[in-house]
C-alpha atoms as a PDB file:
ATOM      1  CA  MET A   1      31.888 -31.280 215.489  1.00  0.00           C
ATOM      2  CA  LYS A   2      28.350 -29.942 215.388  1.00  0.00           C
ATOM      3  CA  HIS A   3      26.572 -28.164 218.191  1.00  0.00           C
ATOM      4  CA  PRO A   4      24.629 -30.829 220.136  1.00  0.00           C
ATOM      5  CA  TYR A   5      21.304 -28.971 219.881  1.00  0.00           C
ATOM      6  CA  LEU A   6      21.391 -28.463 216.117  1.00  0.00           C
ATOM      7  CA  GLY A   7      20.502 -30.882 213.370  1.00  0.00           C
ATOM      8  CA  ASP A   8      22.817 -31.848 210.541  1.00  0.00           C
ATOM      9  CA  ALA A   9      20.864 -29.671 208.091  1.00  0.00           C
ATOM     10  CA  PHE A  10      22.183 -26.527 209.774  1.00  0.00           C
ATOM     11  CA  TYR A  11      25.694 -27.510 208.664  1.00  0.00           C
ATOM     12  CA  ASN A  12      24.900 -28.449 205.063  1.00  0.00           C
ATOM     13  CA  GLN A  13      26.386 -25.223 203.657  1.00  0.00           C
ATOM     14  CA  VAL A  14      29.616 -25.226 205.651  1.00  0.00           C
ATOM     15  CA  LEU A  15      32.847 -27.195 206.040  1.00  0.00           C
ATOM     16  CA  LEU A  16      32.990 -28.923 202.697  1.00  0.00           C
ATOM     17  CA  LYS A  17      34.970 -32.099 202.041  1.00  0.00           C
ATOM     18  CA  GLN A  18      37.548 -30.086 200.068  1.00  0.00           C
ATOM     19  CA  GLN A  19      38.191 -27.876 203.083  1.00  0.00           C
ATOM     20  CA  ILE A  20      38.756 -30.871 205.363  1.00  0.00           C
ATOM     21  CA  SER A  21      40.948 -32.542 202.757  1.00  0.00           C
ATOM     22  CA  PHE A  22      43.198 -29.497 202.319  1.00  0.00           C
ATOM     23  CA  PHE A  23      43.649 -29.150 206.099  1.00  0.00           C
ATOM     24  CA  LYS A  24      44.698 -32.814 206.316  1.00  0.00           C
ATOM     25  CA  GLU A  25      47.020 -32.406 203.353  1.00  0.00           C
ATOM     26  CA  LEU A  26      48.694 -29.301 204.776  1.00  0.00           C
ATOM     27  CA  LEU A  27      49.244 -30.881 208.180  1.00  0.00           C
ATOM     28  CA  ILE A  28      50.773 -33.981 206.582  1.00  0.00           C
ATOM     29  CA  GLU A  29      52.903 -31.811 204.293  1.00  0.00           C
ATOM     30  CA  SER A  30      54.217 -29.876 207.313  1.00  0.00           C
ATOM     31  CA  GLY A  31      56.038 -33.009 208.485  1.00  0.00           C
ATOM     32  CA  GLN A  32      55.050 -32.245 212.091  1.00  0.00           C
ATOM     33  CA  ASN A  33      53.666 -34.926 214.350  1.00  0.00           C
ATOM     34  CA  HIS A  34      50.451 -33.101 215.201  1.00  0.00           C
ATOM     35  CA  ASP A  35      48.084 -33.826 217.989  1.00  0.00           C
ATOM     36  CA  PRO A  36      44.749 -34.631 216.240  1.00  0.00           C
ATOM     37  CA  GLU A  37      43.226 -31.882 218.352  1.00  0.00           C
ATOM     38  CA  PHE A  38      45.046 -29.274 216.254  1.00  0.00           C
ATOM     39  CA  PHE A  39      43.203 -30.566 213.194  1.00  0.00           C
ATOM     40  CA  TYR A  40      39.882 -30.378 215.084  1.00  0.00           C
ATOM     41  CA  ALA A  41      40.657 -26.843 216.235  1.00  0.00           C
ATOM     42  CA  LEU A  42      41.195 -25.789 212.609  1.00  0.00           C
ATOM     43  CA  LEU A  43      37.886 -27.364 211.607  1.00  0.00           C
ATOM     44  CA  HIS A  44      36.095 -25.501 214.397  1.00  0.00           C
ATOM     45  CA  MET A  45      37.545 -22.171 213.269  1.00  0.00           C
ATOM     46  CA  GLN A  46      36.711 -22.816 209.614  1.00  0.00           C
ATOM     47  CA  LEU A  47      33.173 -23.730 210.696  1.00  0.00           C
ATOM     48  CA  SER A  48      32.980 -20.489 212.661  1.00  0.00           C
ATOM     49  CA  LEU A  49      34.153 -18.397 209.716  1.00  0.00           C
ATOM     50  CA  ASP A  50      31.782 -20.115 207.291  1.00  0.00           C
ATOM     51  CA  ILE A  51      28.766 -19.970 209.610  1.00  0.00           C
ATOM     52  CA  HIS A  52      29.307 -16.270 210.252  1.00  0.00           C
ATOM     53  CA  ASP A  53      29.284 -15.793 206.470  1.00  0.00           C
ATOM     54  CA  LEU A  54      25.729 -17.145 206.367  1.00  0.00           C
ATOM     55  CA  VAL A  55      24.384 -14.241 208.403  1.00  0.00           C
ATOM     56  CA  ASP A  56      22.298 -12.049 206.128  1.00  0.00           C
ATOM     57  CA  LEU A  57      24.466  -9.407 204.546  1.00  0.00           C
ATOM     58  CA  GLU A  58      21.379  -7.250 204.162  1.00  0.00           C
ATOM     59  CA  PHE A  59      20.512  -7.601 207.858  1.00  0.00           C
ATOM     60  CA  ASN A  60      18.489  -4.674 209.188  1.00  0.00           C
ATOM     61  CA  LEU A  61      15.941  -3.892 211.849  1.00  0.00           C
ATOM     62  CA  ASN A  62      13.074  -4.211 209.369  1.00  0.00           C
ATOM     63  CA  SER A  63      13.882  -7.838 208.549  1.00  0.00           C
ATOM     64  CA  ALA A  64      11.302 -10.456 209.315  1.00  0.00           C
ATOM     65  CA  HIS A  65      11.343 -11.722 212.894  1.00  0.00           C
ATOM     66  CA  ASN A  66      12.193 -15.310 211.869  1.00  0.00           C
ATOM     67  CA  ARG A  67      15.141 -14.152 209.771  1.00  0.00           C
ATOM     68  CA  ASN A  68      16.437 -12.124 212.722  1.00  0.00           C
ATOM     69  CA  GLN A  69      16.250 -15.216 214.932  1.00  0.00           C
ATOM     70  CA  THR A  70      18.093 -17.276 212.320  1.00  0.00           C
ATOM     71  CA  ASN A  71      20.802 -14.617 212.098  1.00  0.00           C
ATOM     72  CA  GLN A  72      21.165 -14.602 215.875  1.00  0.00           C
ATOM     73  CA  LEU A  73      21.403 -18.397 215.939  1.00  0.00           C
ATOM     74  CA  GLN A  74      24.076 -18.381 213.235  1.00  0.00           C
ATOM     75  CA  VAL A  75      26.126 -15.800 215.111  1.00  0.00           C
ATOM     76  CA  LEU A  76      25.875 -17.794 218.351  1.00  0.00           C
ATOM     77  CA  VAL A  77      26.783 -21.096 216.687  1.00  0.00           C
ATOM     78  CA  GLY A  78      29.691 -19.443 214.874  1.00  0.00           C
ATOM     79  CA  ASP A  79      30.909 -18.098 218.215  1.00  0.00           C
ATOM     80  CA  TYR A  80      30.467 -21.559 219.766  1.00  0.00           C
ATOM     81  CA  HIS A  81      32.833 -23.086 217.185  1.00  0.00           C
ATOM     82  CA  SER A  82      35.271 -20.205 217.511  1.00  0.00           C
ATOM     83  CA  SER A  83      35.461 -20.746 221.278  1.00  0.00           C
ATOM     84  CA  TYR A  84      36.342 -24.410 220.724  1.00  0.00           C
ATOM     85  CA  PHE A  85      39.227 -23.368 218.494  1.00  0.00           C
ATOM     86  CA  TYR A  86      40.702 -21.175 221.240  1.00  0.00           C
ATOM     87  CA  ARG A  87      39.990 -23.702 223.967  1.00  0.00           C
ATOM     88  CA  ILE A  88      41.606 -26.630 222.156  1.00  0.00           C
ATOM     89  CA  LEU A  89      44.758 -24.727 221.211  1.00  0.00           C
ATOM     90  CA  SER A  90      45.220 -23.288 224.692  1.00  0.00           C
ATOM     91  CA  GLU A  91      44.503 -26.603 226.461  1.00  0.00           C
ATOM     92  CA  HIS A  92      47.082 -28.389 224.287  1.00  0.00           C
ATOM     93  CA  ASN A  93      49.642 -25.614 224.761  1.00  0.00           C
ATOM     94  CA  LEU A  94      49.731 -24.821 221.032  1.00  0.00           C
ATOM     95  CA  LEU A  95      50.323 -21.171 221.770  1.00  0.00           C
ATOM     96  CA  ASP A  96      52.683 -20.409 218.869  1.00  0.00           C
ATOM     97  CA  GLU A  97      50.104 -21.764 216.453  1.00  0.00           C
ATOM     98  CA  LEU A  98      47.362 -19.884 218.279  1.00  0.00           C
ATOM     99  CA  TYR A  99      49.123 -16.516 218.094  1.00  0.00           C
ATOM    100  CA  HIS A 100      49.975 -17.034 214.443  1.00  0.00           C
ATOM    101  CA  LEU A 101      46.423 -18.016 213.496  1.00  0.00           C
ATOM    102  CA  ILE A 102      44.856 -15.200 215.531  1.00  0.00           C
ATOM    103  CA  GLN A 103      46.546 -12.688 213.229  1.00  0.00           C
ATOM    104  CA  SER A 104      45.140 -14.480 210.188  1.00  0.00           C
ATOM    105  CA  ILE A 105      41.638 -14.638 211.645  1.00  0.00           C
ATOM    106  CA  LYS A 106      41.787 -10.924 212.388  1.00  0.00           C
ATOM    107  CA  SER A 107      42.931 -10.267 208.821  1.00  0.00           C
ATOM    108  CA  ILE A 108      40.133 -12.444 207.363  1.00  0.00           C
ATOM    109  CA  ASN A 109      37.536 -10.518 209.361  1.00  0.00           C
ATOM    110  CA  GLU A 110      39.005  -7.177 208.273  1.00  0.00           C
ATOM    111  CA  VAL A 111      38.821  -8.281 204.635  1.00  0.00           C
ATOM    112  CA  LYS A 112      35.189  -9.311 205.152  1.00  0.00           C
ATOM    113  CA  MET A 113      34.402  -5.818 206.452  1.00  0.00           C
ATOM    114  CA  SER A 114      36.142  -4.297 203.444  1.00  0.00           C
ATOM    115  CA  LEU A 115      34.025  -6.456 201.131  1.00  0.00           C
ATOM    116  CA  LEU A 116      30.823  -5.619 202.969  1.00  0.00           C
ATOM    117  CA  HIS A 117      31.512  -1.905 202.787  1.00  0.00           C
ATOM    118  CA  ASN A 118      32.688  -2.141 199.169  1.00  0.00           C
ATOM    119  CA  THR A 119      35.864  -0.120 199.812  1.00  0.00           C
ATOM    120  CA  THR A 120      37.220  -0.615 196.291  1.00  0.00           C
ATOM    121  CA  ASP A 121      35.674  -0.574 192.814  1.00  0.00           C
ATOM    122  CA  ASP A 122      38.461  -2.743 191.384  1.00  0.00           C
ATOM    123  CA  LEU A 123      36.861  -6.131 190.653  1.00  0.00           C
ATOM    124  CA  ASN A 124      40.205  -7.940 190.542  1.00  0.00           C
ATOM    125  CA  GLU A 125      41.086  -6.573 193.964  1.00  0.00           C
ATOM    126  CA  GLN A 126      37.701  -7.674 195.282  1.00  0.00           C
ATOM    127  CA  LEU A 127      38.319 -11.172 193.896  1.00  0.00           C
ATOM    128  CA  GLN A 128      41.664 -11.269 195.704  1.00  0.00           C
ATOM    129  CA  GLN A 129      39.851 -10.288 198.892  1.00  0.00           C
ATOM    130  CA  ILE A 130      37.261 -13.040 198.392  1.00  0.00           C
ATOM    131  CA  GLU A 131      40.054 -15.557 197.859  1.00  0.00           C
ATOM    132  CA  ALA A 132      41.708 -14.312 201.069  1.00  0.00           C
ATOM    133  CA  VAL A 133      38.449 -14.892 202.979  1.00  0.00           C
ATOM    134  CA  HIS A 134      37.949 -18.453 201.729  1.00  0.00           C
ATOM    135  CA  CYS A 135      41.629 -19.451 201.843  1.00  0.00           C
ATOM    136  CA  GLY A 136      42.873 -17.408 204.803  1.00  0.00           C
ATOM    137  CA  LEU A 137      43.438 -20.244 207.282  1.00  0.00           C
ATOM    138  CA  TYR A 138      45.095 -22.362 204.599  1.00  0.00           C
ATOM    139  CA  ASN A 139      47.416 -19.506 203.638  1.00  0.00           C
ATOM    140  CA  SER A 140      48.219 -19.039 207.302  1.00  0.00           C
ATOM    141  CA  LEU A 141      49.183 -22.695 207.737  1.00  0.00           C
ATOM    142  CA  MET A 142      51.341 -22.635 204.609  1.00  0.00           C
ATOM    143  CA  ASP A 143      53.123 -19.546 205.930  1.00  0.00           C
ATOM    144  CA  TYR A 144      53.524 -20.942 209.444  1.00  0.00           C
ATOM    145  CA  TYR A 145      55.085 -24.190 208.199  1.00  0.00           C
ATOM    146  CA  LYS A 146      56.939 -22.479 205.340  1.00  0.00           C
ATOM    147  CA  LEU A 147      55.317 -24.714 202.726  1.00  0.00           C
ATOM    148  CA  ASP A 148      56.494 -22.622 199.798  1.00  0.00           C
ATOM    149  CA  ASP A 149      56.932 -25.585 197.433  1.00  0.00           C
ATOM    150  CA  TYR A 150      53.508 -26.926 198.279  1.00  0.00           C
ATOM    151  CA  LYS A 151      51.976 -23.492 197.763  1.00  0.00           C
ATOM    152  CA  GLU A 152      53.649 -23.042 194.403  1.00  0.00           C
ATOM    153  CA  LYS A 153      52.420 -26.434 193.161  1.00  0.00           C
ATOM    154  CA  ASN A 154      48.949 -26.511 194.664  1.00  0.00           C
ATOM    155  CA  TYR A 155      47.739 -22.980 195.274  1.00  0.00           C
ATOM    156  CA  SER A 156      45.726 -22.647 192.050  1.00  0.00           C
ATOM    157  CA  LYS A 157      43.918 -25.919 192.766  1.00  0.00           C
ATOM    158  CA  LEU A 158      43.255 -24.874 196.371  1.00  0.00           C
ATOM    159  CA  VAL A 159      41.825 -21.487 195.384  1.00  0.00           C
ATOM    160  CA  ASN A 160      39.759 -22.964 192.568  1.00  0.00           C
ATOM    161  CA  GLN A 161      38.181 -25.603 194.814  1.00  0.00           C
ATOM    162  CA  LEU A 162      37.692 -23.441 197.894  1.00  0.00           C
ATOM    163  CA  VAL A 163      36.411 -20.328 196.110  1.00  0.00           C
ATOM    164  CA  TYR A 164      35.133 -20.952 192.592  1.00  0.00           C
ATOM    165  CA  GLU A 165      33.836 -24.525 192.658  1.00  0.00           C
ATOM    166  CA  ARG A 166      31.472 -23.938 195.572  1.00  0.00           C
ATOM    167  CA  GLU A 167      28.633 -21.680 196.599  1.00  0.00           C
ATOM    168  CA  SER A 168      30.132 -18.409 197.774  1.00  0.00           C
ATOM    169  CA  ILE A 169      28.028 -15.646 199.259  1.00  0.00           C
ATOM    170  CA  TRP A 170      30.954 -13.309 198.583  1.00  0.00           C
ATOM    171  CA  LEU A 171      31.020 -14.077 194.852  1.00  0.00           C
ATOM    172  CA  ASP A 172      27.224 -13.753 194.777  1.00  0.00           C
ATOM    173  CA  LEU A 173      27.466 -10.363 196.491  1.00  0.00           C
ATOM    174  CA  LEU A 174      30.078  -9.192 193.991  1.00  0.00           C
ATOM    175  CA  ALA A 175      27.964 -10.340 191.021  1.00  0.00           C
ATOM    176  CA  LYS A 176      24.888  -8.644 192.512  1.00  0.00           C
ATOM    177  CA  ARG A 177      26.720  -5.327 192.892  1.00  0.00           C
ATOM    178  CA  ASP A 178      28.436  -5.208 189.509  1.00  0.00           C
ATOM    179  CA  SER A 179      27.215  -6.650 186.209  1.00  0.00           C
ATOM    180  CA  ALA A 180      30.821  -6.920 184.920  1.00  0.00           C
ATOM    181  CA  ALA A 181      31.772  -9.240 187.782  1.00  0.00           C
ATOM    182  CA  LYS A 182      30.728 -12.450 186.005  1.00  0.00           C
ATOM    183  CA  ASN A 183      33.264 -11.903 183.221  1.00  0.00           C
ATOM    184  CA  VAL A 184      36.051 -11.113 185.701  1.00  0.00           C
ATOM    185  CA  ILE A 185      35.164 -14.201 187.763  1.00  0.00           C
ATOM    186  CA  ASP A 186      35.138 -16.423 184.660  1.00  0.00           C
ATOM    187  CA  LYS A 187      38.504 -15.036 183.559  1.00  0.00           C
ATOM    188  CA  ARG A 188      39.992 -15.765 186.995  1.00  0.00           C
ATOM    189  CA  LYS A 189      38.566 -19.309 187.005  1.00  0.00           C
ATOM    190  CA  ASN A 190      40.094 -19.997 183.590  1.00  0.00           C
ATOM    191  CA  GLU A 191      43.433 -18.624 184.734  1.00  0.00           C
ATOM    192  CA  LEU A 192      43.447 -20.868 187.818  1.00  0.00           C
ATOM    193  CA  TYR A 193      42.334 -23.877 185.783  1.00  0.00           C
ATOM    194  CA  ARG A 194      45.256 -23.420 183.362  1.00  0.00           C
ATOM    195  CA  ARG A 195      47.731 -23.174 186.251  1.00  0.00           C
ATOM    196  CA  ALA A 196      46.403 -26.207 188.131  1.00  0.00           C
END
């Protein structure tokens, strides 16, 4: 999956085992006989989304030259993985899936912009936005395949593992901006743990 010119270390912070596992689980749960390429396309898009998250949120023209180069590399590699997503789905004529997922990707990126620009002071709303960023493709698949029962039974576990049991630059950003965020995050984690 990795870009041929990059070492494994570049990917250490992205595409966790839990993410791969949930994609597999959702595709099996859908009952569809999927081409394995669909699974790989999803992994490429998740890689793209996660890699783009690594770009410095405080990026500015006064940043150190090396940091600017790293940011540029991350953007390019994220775009590389995104292009594979589109290529695979179009080559395998998975156009319905492509059009459905495009809307979700657009929504995820809009939510990221909202978080970056801090458009709301409501910490609970910001947590919902962070969950939408980390779980957006999974939510999209559950909606596309109408996996309502699966979602009802497993959503708390999915959110807990994909948002709160991992490093999240979005949670870090929220905690950095507002000292009350830690308590709200802990409350949400406890709530999800009880439901799971």
